[in-house]
Every structure is written in C-alpha cells, then in structure tokens.
Amino acid sequence: MKLKHMFTRSRHSGFTLVEIILALALTTMLLGLLSSGVFIVAEDWNRNSENLDKNLDEALAILQIDRALQGAFPHSYTNEETLARHIFFSGDDAHLTFVSAVSPQRNAGSTAWEIYSIDNEGVYLTLAPAFSDNPAARLEEAEPRLILPDYSVSFSYLYQELDENRAWRDDWYAEENLSLPLAVYARFEPADTQGEVMEVVAPIRANQHRTIRPNTIIEVGL
C-alpha cells in the first residue's frame, strides 16, 4: 500500500508532454512579441536619428553659407584682354558666385563659392581656390556638391540709393557696379510643403575695394 502511494505521487510530480508543449508555445509567442517590440523601437530610433542627422547637416550647410557671405570681399583681378581691373561677384535671383575669406575646409587663402539650385534635385555648392586671377575657370572645372537635397534657393541684394535709402534688388554684378552689395538675402525653400524654410541675411562689411571706386549711379529695375 505504501509503495503504491509513493508510485502515484512520483507519477504526478513531473510535467506532462502537453504542459511542456504549451509552455514552449507561450515562450515562443512572448519572444516573438518582444522581438517585434524591439524591432519597432529600433526602427523609430533609426528614423529619428536619420532625421536628426539630416537636420544637423542642413543647419551646418546654412551656417557655412552665412559665414562665407559675411566673409565675402571684393576680390579684384586684371582682365587679360582689356587690362582693366574687375571685381569677382555675380548674382541673380537663382545663382550666386563670390569670393570669401571663409572656407569649409579651413584652407589657407581665399575661396571662390558658387551656389545655385536645380529643379527636382536641390541646392548645389561649388568651391575653388581664389588666387590673384579670375577664379571662374576653376569653378567650372570643380565638382559641384549637393548640399541641400530637394531644396531651391533664391537671392536678393541690398544696395543704397543716392538718397541713402536702402532697398533690395534681384541681381548684382560687381563688374558693372565695381562693389559688392551691402548684404545678401538667401531663402532656401523645400520641395516638400512639410519641410522648413531656411533664411540667411548676411551683411557684407568689406563691400568696397580700396582702390577701385564704385559707381555712384546704379540703375535698378525693380
């Protein structure tokens, strides 16, 4: 009688095959739910990190352009055909080239900048060293870089009229005006309506050349 009781108790002390299968199934389901949750969190983290990196890249590009415009100066060179002195600065509402003392790579010497946008692509930047000559040829040979994908840029230029009133115009050619504008306004608009519009208003302190007298009469078509 005692042996029979002991045998019955030992038979019920372990797990049955059905219980083990159910435990394994529940464990598998919990691990699946846990892994799905971890995957979703990781995806959200990566997405937020990519957006943060993109925003930082855009902010850094705008900051560099702002610093470069503030460091712009009337870079002069001699025209080989006429032997006349010209100033390198050309800008309209969608394209701008100038020489600045600021370089993104912190290179020694001056740097020629070219900023423009292409529809359905974005804003491009081209850099080239600026020596004592006209840097336009080196800018044409340099490789442009896409710095703001899916953005467009527009420019305006601040000038002072004869009555000392200031106004904005949509182009500026230093070869004609023999000086730089007082400031440059750049507006960067995203192709996506949910994107953020970015603006730069950069004063140009060294807007006049030391020896080249600027034109006193500026014809402006607004």
Protein backbone atom coordinates (compact mmCIF):
# COMPACT_ATOMS: atom_id res chain seq x y z
CA MET A 1 0.00 0.00 0.00
CA LYS A 2 2.84 2.39 0.82
CA LEU A 3 4.67 1.53 -2.42
CA LYS A 4 1.54 2.21 -4.44
CA HIS A 5 1.13 5.61 -2.78
CA MET A 6 4.74 6.55 -3.47
CA PHE A 7 4.45 5.50 -7.12
CA THR A 8 1.29 7.57 -7.58
CA ARG A 9 2.90 10.70 -6.06
CA SER A 10 6.03 10.40 -8.20
CA ARG A 11 3.92 9.97 -11.32
CA HIS A 12 2.15 13.31 -10.74
CA SER A 13 5.25 15.28 -9.64
CA GLY A 14 6.62 15.95 -13.22
CA PHE A 15 5.25 17.85 -16.29
CA THR A 16 3.19 16.17 -18.91
CA LEU A 17 4.01 16.41 -22.63
CA VAL A 18 1.01 18.69 -23.21
CA GLU A 19 2.19 21.08 -20.50
CA ILE A 20 5.69 21.22 -21.99
CA ILE A 21 4.29 21.95 -25.47
CA LEU A 22 2.05 24.69 -24.09
CA ALA A 23 4.98 26.23 -22.19
CA LEU A 24 7.15 26.20 -25.30
CA ALA A 25 4.35 27.75 -27.36
CA LEU A 26 3.80 30.53 -24.81
CA THR A 27 7.55 31.19 -24.59
CA THR A 28 7.81 31.38 -28.38
CA MET A 29 4.89 33.78 -28.55
CA LEU A 30 6.36 36.03 -25.85
CA LEU A 31 9.76 36.07 -27.54
CA GLY A 32 8.05 36.95 -30.84
CA LEU A 33 6.18 39.84 -29.25
CA LEU A 34 9.32 41.03 -27.50
CA SER A 35 11.42 40.90 -30.67
CA SER A 36 8.70 42.77 -32.60
CA GLY A 37 8.64 45.49 -29.97
CA VAL A 38 12.42 45.78 -30.00
CA PHE A 39 12.40 45.96 -33.81
CA ILE A 40 9.79 48.75 -33.80
CA VAL A 41 11.74 50.72 -31.21
CA ALA A 42 14.95 50.27 -33.20
CA GLU A 43 13.23 51.41 -36.40
CA ASP A 44 11.87 54.50 -34.66
CA TRP A 45 15.29 55.23 -33.21
CA ASN A 46 16.99 54.89 -36.61
CA ARG A 47 14.33 57.04 -38.26
CA ASN A 48 14.66 59.75 -35.62
CA SER A 49 18.45 59.56 -35.82
CA GLU A 50 18.36 59.95 -39.61
CA ASN A 51 16.04 62.95 -39.31
CA LEU A 52 18.31 64.49 -36.68
CA ASP A 53 21.40 63.91 -38.84
CA LYS A 54 19.60 65.45 -41.83
CA ASN A 55 18.55 68.49 -39.81
CA LEU A 56 22.08 68.89 -38.47
CA ASP A 57 23.54 68.63 -41.98
CA GLU A 58 21.09 71.24 -43.27
CA ALA A 59 21.78 73.58 -40.35
CA LEU A 60 25.53 73.17 -40.82
CA ALA A 61 25.27 73.94 -44.55
CA ILE A 62 23.21 77.09 -43.87
CA LEU A 63 25.67 78.19 -41.18
CA GLN A 64 28.64 77.75 -43.52
CA ILE A 65 26.93 79.75 -46.26
CA ASP A 66 26.08 82.51 -43.79
CA ARG A 67 29.68 82.69 -42.56
CA ALA A 68 31.03 82.65 -46.10
CA LEU A 69 28.78 85.52 -47.19
CA GLN A 70 29.78 87.58 -44.18
CA GLY A 71 33.41 86.90 -45.12
CA ALA A 72 32.89 87.94 -48.75
CA PHE A 73 35.11 90.71 -50.08
CA PRO A 74 35.70 92.50 -53.44
CA HIS A 75 38.26 90.14 -54.96
CA SER A 76 39.89 92.02 -57.86
CA TYR A 77 41.67 90.67 -60.92
CA THR A 78 43.00 92.03 -64.21
CA ASN A 79 41.12 91.37 -67.43
CA GLU A 80 43.72 89.92 -69.80
CA GLU A 81 42.08 91.45 -72.87
CA THR A 82 41.35 94.99 -71.66
CA LEU A 83 43.88 95.10 -68.78
CA ALA A 84 41.13 96.66 -66.69
CA ARG A 85 40.58 95.74 -63.06
CA HIS A 86 37.38 93.81 -62.29
CA ILE A 87 35.74 92.58 -59.11
CA PHE A 88 34.55 88.98 -58.91
CA PHE A 89 30.92 88.87 -57.76
CA SER A 90 27.96 87.82 -59.87
CA GLY A 91 24.48 87.20 -58.58
CA ASP A 92 20.90 86.96 -59.77
CA ASP A 93 17.76 85.60 -58.15
CA ALA A 94 18.81 81.93 -58.51
CA HIS A 95 22.61 81.91 -58.86
CA LEU A 96 25.48 83.44 -56.89
CA THR A 97 29.28 83.43 -57.23
CA PHE A 98 31.64 85.29 -54.90
CA VAL A 99 35.00 85.11 -53.16
CA SER A 100 35.23 84.74 -49.40
CA ALA A 101 37.92 84.56 -46.78
CA VAL A 102 35.97 81.64 -45.26
CA SER A 103 36.49 78.05 -46.39
CA PRO A 104 34.55 75.00 -45.11
CA GLN A 105 37.79 73.02 -45.03
CA ARG A 106 39.57 75.92 -43.28
CA ASN A 107 42.07 76.08 -46.10
CA ALA A 108 44.53 78.92 -46.18
CA GLY A 109 43.81 81.68 -48.67
CA SER A 110 40.61 82.82 -50.30
CA THR A 111 37.89 80.55 -51.69
CA ALA A 112 35.54 81.08 -54.62
CA TRP A 113 31.97 80.00 -53.92
CA GLU A 114 29.17 79.16 -56.33
CA ILE A 115 25.65 78.45 -55.06
CA TYR A 116 22.66 77.52 -57.21
CA SER A 117 19.76 75.08 -57.34
CA ILE A 118 18.46 72.61 -59.92
CA ASP A 119 14.78 71.73 -60.11
CA ASN A 120 13.84 68.34 -58.62
CA GLU A 121 17.40 67.90 -57.28
CA GLY A 122 18.39 70.52 -54.74
CA VAL A 123 20.93 73.20 -53.89
CA TYR A 124 24.48 72.73 -55.15
CA LEU A 125 27.73 74.23 -53.91
CA THR A 126 30.99 74.50 -55.85
CA LEU A 127 34.27 75.57 -54.29
CA ALA A 128 37.59 76.51 -55.87
CA PRO A 129 40.72 78.31 -54.70
CA ALA A 130 40.85 82.03 -55.47
CA PHE A 131 44.24 83.41 -56.38
CA SER A 132 45.06 86.79 -57.90
CA ASP A 133 43.29 85.95 -61.17
CA ASN A 134 39.70 85.28 -62.21
CA PRO A 135 38.56 82.07 -60.41
CA ALA A 136 35.63 81.45 -62.80
CA ALA A 137 37.53 78.85 -64.83
CA ARG A 138 38.45 76.85 -61.73
CA LEU A 139 34.85 76.92 -60.56
CA GLU A 140 33.75 75.45 -63.91
CA GLU A 141 36.28 72.62 -63.55
CA ALA A 142 35.44 71.87 -59.90
CA GLU A 143 32.90 69.21 -58.95
CA PRO A 144 29.66 70.62 -57.52
CA ARG A 145 28.26 69.04 -54.36
CA LEU A 146 24.61 68.59 -53.47
CA ILE A 147 24.32 70.16 -50.02
CA LEU A 148 20.54 70.56 -49.65
CA PRO A 149 18.57 67.85 -51.47
CA ASP A 150 15.02 68.75 -52.52
CA TYR A 151 15.55 72.45 -51.82
CA SER A 152 15.60 75.55 -54.01
CA VAL A 153 17.37 78.84 -53.33
CA SER A 154 16.62 82.46 -54.24
CA PHE A 155 18.78 85.53 -53.63
CA SER A 156 18.26 89.27 -53.11
CA TYR A 157 20.88 92.01 -52.77
CA LEU A 158 20.80 95.11 -50.59
CA TYR A 159 22.00 98.41 -52.07
CA GLN A 160 21.91 102.05 -51.10
CA GLU A 161 20.31 104.62 -53.36
CA LEU A 162 21.62 108.12 -53.96
CA ASP A 163 19.20 109.49 -51.36
CA GLU A 164 20.71 107.00 -48.88
CA ASN A 165 17.58 104.88 -48.78
CA ARG A 166 18.22 101.16 -48.88
CA ALA A 167 16.33 98.62 -50.98
CA TRP A 168 16.63 95.07 -52.25
CA ARG A 169 17.17 94.08 -55.87
CA ASP A 170 17.22 90.66 -57.56
CA ASP A 171 20.66 90.87 -59.22
CA TRP A 172 24.11 92.28 -58.62
CA TYR A 173 27.11 92.28 -60.96
CA ALA A 174 30.30 93.68 -59.49
CA GLU A 175 31.83 94.08 -62.94
CA GLU A 176 29.29 96.84 -63.55
CA ASN A 177 28.86 98.24 -60.03
CA LEU A 178 32.54 97.91 -59.01
CA SER A 179 31.48 96.98 -55.49
CA LEU A 180 29.61 94.32 -53.55
CA PRO A 181 26.09 94.72 -52.14
CA LEU A 182 25.66 95.77 -48.56
CA ALA A 183 24.05 92.42 -47.73
CA VAL A 184 22.80 89.21 -49.34
CA TYR A 185 19.49 87.57 -48.53
CA ALA A 186 19.20 83.85 -49.31
CA ARG A 187 15.95 81.92 -48.96
CA PHE A 188 16.02 78.11 -49.04
CA GLU A 189 12.64 76.53 -49.70
CA PRO A 190 11.93 72.78 -49.51
CA ALA A 191 10.07 70.97 -52.27
CA ASP A 192 8.01 69.24 -49.58
CA THR A 193 5.44 71.55 -48.02
CA GLN A 194 6.13 69.94 -44.66
CA GLY A 195 9.78 70.98 -44.78
CA GLU A 196 11.20 74.04 -43.08
CA VAL A 197 12.04 77.25 -44.92
CA MET A 198 15.53 78.50 -44.02
CA GLU A 199 16.75 82.06 -44.46
CA VAL A 200 20.08 83.86 -44.34
CA VAL A 201 20.59 87.63 -44.15
CA ALA A 202 24.34 88.19 -44.29
CA PRO A 203 25.82 91.68 -44.12
CA ILE A 204 28.94 92.26 -46.22
CA ARG A 205 31.15 94.71 -44.39
CA ALA A 206 34.01 94.71 -46.90
CA ASN A 207 31.78 95.58 -49.83
CA GLN A 208 34.05 98.21 -51.42
CA HIS A 209 37.53 97.83 -52.88
CA ARG A 210 40.31 100.01 -51.53
CA THR A 211 41.49 101.34 -54.88
CA ILE A 212 38.61 100.71 -57.27
CA ARG A 213 35.98 103.41 -56.89
CA PRO A 214 32.41 102.06 -57.06
CA ASN A 215 29.90 103.51 -59.45
CA THR A 216 27.87 106.28 -57.84
CA ILE A 217 24.82 105.83 -60.07
CA ILE A 218 23.10 102.46 -60.08
CA GLU A 219 20.22 101.84 -62.42
CA VAL A 220 17.82 99.47 -60.78
CA GLY A 221 14.83 97.79 -62.33
CA LEU A 222 12.55 96.63 -59.56
